[in-house]
Protein backbone atom coordinates (compact mmCIF):
# COMPACT_ATOMS: atom_id res chain seq x y z
CA MET A 1 73.67 11.12 -1.44
CA GLY A 2 71.30 8.61 -3.46
CA ALA A 3 71.31 6.05 -0.51
CA THR A 4 71.09 8.72 2.02
CA LEU A 5 68.00 10.21 0.15
CA ARG A 6 66.52 6.59 0.00
CA SER A 7 66.59 6.04 3.72
CA LEU A 8 65.22 9.69 4.80
CA PRO A 9 61.53 9.88 5.25
CA ILE A 10 59.46 11.77 2.64
CA LYS A 11 58.69 14.30 5.35
CA SER A 12 62.34 15.55 5.77
CA ILE A 13 63.01 15.91 2.04
CA PHE A 14 59.65 17.79 0.67
CA ARG A 15 57.41 20.21 2.35
CA VAL A 16 54.19 18.70 1.31
CA SER A 17 50.77 20.31 1.72
CA GLN A 18 47.31 18.96 2.95
CA ALA A 19 46.21 18.96 -0.82
CA GLU A 20 49.30 17.47 -2.00
CA ASN A 21 49.66 14.66 0.35
CA ALA A 22 46.14 13.59 -0.55
CA ALA A 23 46.54 13.96 -4.23
CA LEU A 24 49.81 11.76 -3.68
CA GLN A 25 47.95 9.30 -1.84
CA GLN A 26 45.44 8.57 -4.66
CA PHE A 27 48.34 8.69 -7.16
CA SER A 28 50.13 5.98 -5.19
CA HIS A 29 46.91 3.99 -4.80
CA ARG A 30 45.95 3.96 -8.38
CA ARG A 31 49.71 2.61 -9.20
CA SER A 32 49.55 0.23 -6.76
CA VAL A 33 52.51 1.59 -4.71
CA PRO A 34 52.48 1.76 -0.86
CA TYR A 35 52.88 5.21 0.05
CA HIS A 36 52.77 6.63 3.63
CA VAL A 37 54.23 10.11 4.51
CA SER A 38 55.53 8.83 7.65
CA GLY A 39 57.13 5.60 5.73
CA VAL A 40 60.44 5.57 3.54
CA VAL A 41 60.02 5.32 0.10
CA ASP A 42 62.04 5.72 -3.09
CA CYS A 43 62.23 9.15 -4.55
CA GLN A 44 62.73 7.84 -8.06
CA LEU A 45 59.10 6.57 -7.67
CA ILE A 46 57.85 9.91 -6.70
CA ASN A 47 57.66 12.73 -9.38
CA LEU A 48 55.40 15.73 -8.02
CA HIS A 49 54.47 16.98 -11.74
CA SER A 50 52.46 13.96 -12.22
CA VAL A 51 49.94 14.60 -9.59
CA PRO A 52 46.32 14.27 -11.09
CA THR A 53 44.29 17.18 -11.16
CA ASN A 54 40.59 17.33 -10.03
CA ASP A 55 39.75 16.77 -13.69
CA GLN A 56 41.68 14.04 -13.95
CA ILE A 57 40.69 12.14 -10.89
CA LEU A 58 38.27 9.42 -11.52
CA VAL A 59 34.70 9.35 -9.70
CA PRO A 60 33.35 6.08 -8.55
CA GLU A 61 30.39 4.75 -10.58
CA THR A 62 28.23 4.46 -7.22
CA LEU A 63 28.75 8.46 -6.83
CA LEU A 64 27.54 8.96 -10.30
CA LYS A 65 24.34 7.07 -10.30
CA LYS A 66 23.87 8.45 -7.04
CA ARG A 67 24.18 12.05 -8.48
CA LYS A 68 22.12 11.04 -11.34
CA SER A 69 19.02 9.73 -9.38
CA GLN A 70 19.29 12.84 -7.07
CA GLU A 71 19.16 15.26 -10.08
CA LYS A 72 16.12 13.22 -11.48
CA ALA A 73 14.22 13.26 -8.08
CA ARG A 74 14.77 16.98 -8.07
CA ALA A 75 13.48 17.59 -11.30
CA GLU A 76 10.55 15.14 -10.99
CA ARG A 77 9.82 17.28 -7.45
CA THR A 78 10.02 20.82 -9.44
CA ASP A 79 7.58 19.44 -12.32
CA ALA A 80 5.30 17.97 -9.62
CA VAL A 81 5.42 21.61 -7.62
CA GLU A 82 4.75 23.24 -10.90
CA LYS A 83 1.84 21.15 -11.88
CA LYS A 84 0.14 21.42 -8.55
CA LYS A 85 0.50 25.19 -8.68
CA ALA A 86 -1.26 25.26 -12.37
CA ALA A 87 -3.81 23.24 -10.98
CA ASN A 88 -4.65 25.03 -7.50
CA LYS A 89 -4.97 28.10 -9.67
CA GLU A 90 -7.45 26.48 -12.34
CA LYS A 91 -9.13 25.18 -8.86
CA ARG A 92 -9.63 28.72 -7.27
CA GLN A 93 -11.06 30.00 -10.63
CA VAL A 94 -13.53 27.39 -10.49
CA ILE A 95 -14.53 27.97 -6.95
CA PHE A 96 -14.49 31.72 -7.48
CA LYS A 97 -17.10 31.35 -10.13
CA ARG A 98 -19.30 29.23 -7.92
CA ALA A 99 -19.36 31.27 -5.23
CA GLU A 100 -20.55 34.50 -7.51
CA LYS A 101 -22.95 32.46 -8.83
CA TYR A 102 -24.32 31.23 -5.05
CA VAL A 103 -24.02 34.99 -4.10
CA GLN A 104 -26.41 35.95 -7.12
CA GLU A 105 -28.70 32.68 -6.57
CA TYR A 106 -29.04 33.90 -2.83
CA ARG A 107 -29.48 37.47 -3.70
CA ASP A 108 -31.94 36.43 -6.35
CA ALA A 109 -34.16 34.51 -3.87
CA GLU A 110 -34.28 37.15 -1.42
CA ARG A 111 -35.61 39.68 -3.99
CA GLU A 112 -38.10 37.25 -5.06
CA LYS A 113 -39.49 37.18 -1.70
CA VAL A 114 -39.41 40.81 -1.38
CA ARG A 115 -41.23 41.12 -4.64
CA LEU A 116 -44.14 38.72 -3.63
CA HIS A 117 -44.47 40.03 -0.50
CA ARG A 118 -44.88 43.55 -1.92
CA VAL A 119 -47.21 41.97 -4.87
CA ALA A 120 -49.34 40.33 -1.99
CA LYS A 121 -49.50 43.57 -0.22
CA SER A 122 -50.92 45.69 -3.34
CA GLU A 123 -53.49 43.07 -3.38
CA ASP A 124 -54.69 43.23 0.15
CA SER A 125 -53.33 39.57 0.49
CA ALA A 126 -51.16 38.05 2.82
CA TYR A 127 -47.64 36.33 1.41
CA VAL A 128 -47.21 32.82 2.98
CA PRO A 129 -43.41 31.93 2.34
CA ALA A 130 -42.40 28.33 1.72
CA GLU A 131 -42.27 25.63 4.32
CA ALA A 132 -38.60 25.42 5.31
CA ASN A 133 -36.82 22.28 4.28
CA LEU A 134 -33.74 22.49 6.50
CA ILE A 135 -33.83 22.23 10.62
CA PHE A 136 -30.96 23.01 13.03
CA VAL A 137 -31.29 20.90 16.18
CA VAL A 138 -29.55 21.74 19.55
CA ARG A 139 -29.33 19.54 22.36
CA ILE A 140 -29.65 21.24 25.50
CA LYS A 141 -30.49 18.76 28.60
CA GLY A 142 -28.46 15.86 29.63
CA ILE A 143 -29.46 12.21 30.08
CA ASN A 144 -30.69 12.40 33.50
CA LYS A 145 -34.17 10.13 33.62
CA MET A 146 -34.26 10.01 30.37
CA PRO A 147 -36.27 6.70 28.53
CA PRO A 148 -34.33 4.30 26.14
CA LYS A 149 -36.29 5.33 23.12
CA PRO A 150 -35.45 8.91 23.11
CA ARG A 151 -31.88 8.16 24.51
CA LYS A 152 -31.72 6.11 21.04
CA ILE A 153 -33.08 8.73 18.64
CA LEU A 154 -30.74 11.29 19.80
CA GLN A 155 -28.04 8.77 19.28
CA LEU A 156 -29.44 8.31 15.60
CA LEU A 157 -29.63 12.37 15.45
CA ARG A 158 -26.03 12.04 16.46
CA LEU A 159 -26.57 14.38 19.47
CA LEU A 160 -24.62 12.79 22.23
CA GLN A 161 -23.58 15.53 24.36
CA ILE A 162 -25.07 18.99 25.73
CA ASN A 163 -24.43 21.70 23.32
CA ASN A 164 -24.15 19.65 20.43
CA GLY A 165 -25.93 20.63 16.84
CA VAL A 166 -26.92 19.09 13.66
CA PHE A 167 -28.64 20.03 10.31
CA VAL A 168 -31.57 17.74 9.54
CA LYS A 169 -34.03 17.78 6.19
CA VAL A 170 -37.46 17.99 7.19
CA THR A 171 -39.25 14.74 6.71
CA LYS A 172 -42.07 13.11 8.33
CA ALA A 173 -39.69 10.69 9.79
CA ILE A 174 -37.62 13.34 11.26
CA THR A 175 -40.48 15.25 12.63
CA GLU A 176 -41.98 12.45 14.28
CA MET A 177 -38.43 11.58 16.06
CA LEU A 178 -38.07 15.56 17.03
CA LYS A 179 -41.59 15.35 18.90
CA VAL A 180 -40.18 12.25 20.63
CA VAL A 181 -36.89 14.01 21.92
CA GLU A 182 -38.43 17.56 22.20
CA PRO A 183 -37.92 17.80 26.03
CA TRP A 184 -34.18 17.34 25.63
CA ILE A 185 -33.60 19.58 22.33
CA ALA A 186 -34.35 23.05 20.99
CA TYR A 187 -34.61 23.39 17.07
CA GLY A 188 -35.79 25.64 14.47
CA TYR A 189 -35.29 26.89 10.33
CA PRO A 190 -31.94 28.66 10.17
CA ASN A 191 -31.24 31.13 7.67
CA LEU A 192 -28.01 31.64 5.36
CA LYS A 193 -26.10 33.62 7.73
CA THR A 194 -26.43 30.96 10.56
CA VAL A 195 -25.14 27.94 8.25
CA LYS A 196 -22.32 30.12 7.00
CA GLU A 197 -21.42 30.86 10.65
CA LEU A 198 -21.42 27.59 11.61
CA VAL A 199 -19.70 26.13 9.27
CA TYR A 200 -16.84 28.46 8.90
CA LYS A 201 -16.41 28.75 12.69
CA ARG A 202 -17.46 25.34 14.19
CA GLY A 203 -17.25 23.37 11.19
CA TYR A 204 -15.22 20.21 11.09
CA GLY A 205 -15.20 17.06 8.83
CA LYS A 206 -15.18 13.40 9.60
CA VAL A 207 -12.08 11.95 7.86
CA ASN A 208 -11.20 8.52 8.41
CA LYS A 209 -13.59 8.75 11.51
CA GLN A 210 -11.40 11.34 12.68
CA ARG A 211 -12.63 15.02 13.53
CA VAL A 212 -10.73 17.46 11.41
CA ALA A 213 -11.07 20.79 11.09
CA LEU A 214 -12.14 22.66 7.81
CA THR A 215 -9.02 24.73 7.22
CA ASP A 216 -8.69 24.03 3.23
CA ASN A 217 -10.89 23.18 0.57
CA ALA A 218 -8.41 20.25 -0.22
CA ILE A 219 -10.22 18.32 2.67
CA VAL A 220 -13.72 18.84 1.40
CA GLU A 221 -12.80 17.74 -2.37
CA GLU A 222 -11.34 14.63 -0.89
CA ASN A 223 -14.28 13.30 0.78
CA LEU A 224 -17.11 15.11 -1.10
CA GLY A 225 -15.42 15.32 -4.53
CA LYS A 226 -17.44 13.18 -6.22
CA TYR A 227 -20.52 14.36 -5.39
CA GLY A 228 -19.58 17.74 -7.11
CA ILE A 229 -18.50 19.51 -3.45
CA VAL A 230 -15.25 20.78 -3.95
CA CYS A 231 -15.22 23.93 -1.19
CA VAL A 232 -16.58 25.07 1.67
CA GLU A 233 -19.08 27.25 -0.44
CA ASP A 234 -20.32 24.21 -1.89
CA LEU A 235 -20.88 22.35 1.26
CA ILE A 236 -22.77 25.60 2.61
CA HIS A 237 -24.90 25.67 -0.61
CA GLU A 238 -25.88 21.95 -0.64
CA ILE A 239 -26.73 22.11 3.03
CA PHE A 240 -28.78 25.48 2.84
CA THR A 241 -30.72 24.47 -0.19
CA VAL A 242 -31.10 20.77 0.99
CA GLY A 243 -29.73 19.59 -2.15
CA PRO A 244 -29.65 16.06 -3.82
CA ASN A 245 -26.44 15.19 -1.98
CA PHE A 246 -27.51 16.88 1.26
CA LYS A 247 -27.33 13.51 3.44
CA GLN A 248 -23.68 13.02 2.43
CA ALA A 249 -22.88 16.32 3.09
CA SER A 250 -24.13 16.35 6.62
CA ASN A 251 -22.84 13.26 7.51
CA PHE A 252 -19.62 14.78 6.71
CA LEU A 253 -19.95 17.35 8.68
CA TRP A 254 -18.97 16.37 12.62
CA PRO A 255 -21.87 17.51 14.77
CA PHE A 256 -21.21 21.36 16.06
CA LYS A 257 -19.81 21.52 19.45
CA LEU A 258 -21.42 24.93 20.69
CA SER A 259 -20.83 27.10 23.92
CA ASN A 260 -23.56 27.74 26.47
CA PRO A 261 -25.53 31.00 24.90
CA THR A 262 -24.47 34.36 26.06
CA GLY A 263 -26.12 35.40 29.26
CA GLY A 264 -27.35 32.12 29.80
CA PHE A 265 -30.54 30.31 29.05
CA ARG A 266 -33.85 31.41 30.39
CA PRO A 267 -35.14 31.04 33.78
CA ARG A 268 -37.26 28.36 32.83
CA LYS A 269 -34.79 26.58 30.58
CA PHE A 270 -36.69 23.21 30.64
CA LYS A 271 -40.19 24.75 29.75
CA HIS A 272 -41.04 25.02 26.27
CA PHE A 273 -40.23 28.01 24.12
CA ILE A 274 -43.94 29.35 23.99
CA GLU A 275 -44.20 29.01 27.58
CA GLY A 276 -41.11 30.94 28.33
CA GLY A 277 -38.77 28.42 28.39
CA ASP A 278 -36.00 27.08 25.54
CA LEU A 279 -37.05 23.65 24.78
CA GLY A 280 -39.14 22.81 21.48
CA ASN A 281 -39.46 24.43 18.18
CA ARG A 282 -38.62 28.16 17.60
CA GLU A 283 -38.91 28.57 14.06
CA GLU A 284 -36.86 31.25 13.14
CA ALA A 285 -35.76 32.19 16.62
CA ILE A 286 -33.57 29.49 16.46
CA ASN A 287 -31.13 32.00 14.46
CA ALA A 288 -30.71 34.13 17.62
CA LEU A 289 -30.12 31.19 19.86
CA VAL A 290 -27.18 29.95 17.58
CA ARG A 291 -25.72 33.25 17.48
CA GLN A 292 -25.64 33.76 21.36
CA MET A 293 -24.05 29.88 21.13
CA ASN A 294 -21.66 30.04 18.56
């Protein structure tokens, strides 16, 4: 009987399940016993009650190291996410406070203008507001028959295409440059509403010489954070008030790409504004034009 059992395949003696088969394979490997289900093996070497359980099976050291490193990386990611959430919460609070301060500042400035106007009226005099420090320039004419000097000035102003617009600071040099290129541009003094609408709707930043939409305050902070400008509201405030970092803020803004005005330009487009055209200085009337083109 023993000889008969020794010569029979293990399949014909035991009904071995798939799990038991895997366990037997590992058990045989640990004891250096060549075991194959389809082969012939001595039954005395096999004891089904000695098959190791899952807890008794040894895990390779490489797998343990991999699990440990994965757990460590997972913990680090979780910790980084929590820290980022806390930092973003603090930043939002700072941004909200700054925005509230700016709103109050704008309101106080408007109220002061109204008060001065009323005082002047009560004294039978005229109120003359302070000269504007900010100009918005829009190019409305192409390069046909353009001399080299105006072309170079338009390049310096970054007005390379029709309907491009930029903010510039009022200086003597800028004023002289605008006089030279007046037959190709329209410009004036924008108000707070115009600045906000342009930045929020058409605002793009220059990041690594690429045109990037201002969809997040993080973009502004990464490029202008060293100047104390950490959000879009800071950027608007710096532009509108022509602050100490106006040059960096205006250079960060990509030239605005506007559309043709609703209803089109005037019939005499290439005449000066005071002659019924669209060219030249239109002072506060630039706000209406920008609203049509935005």
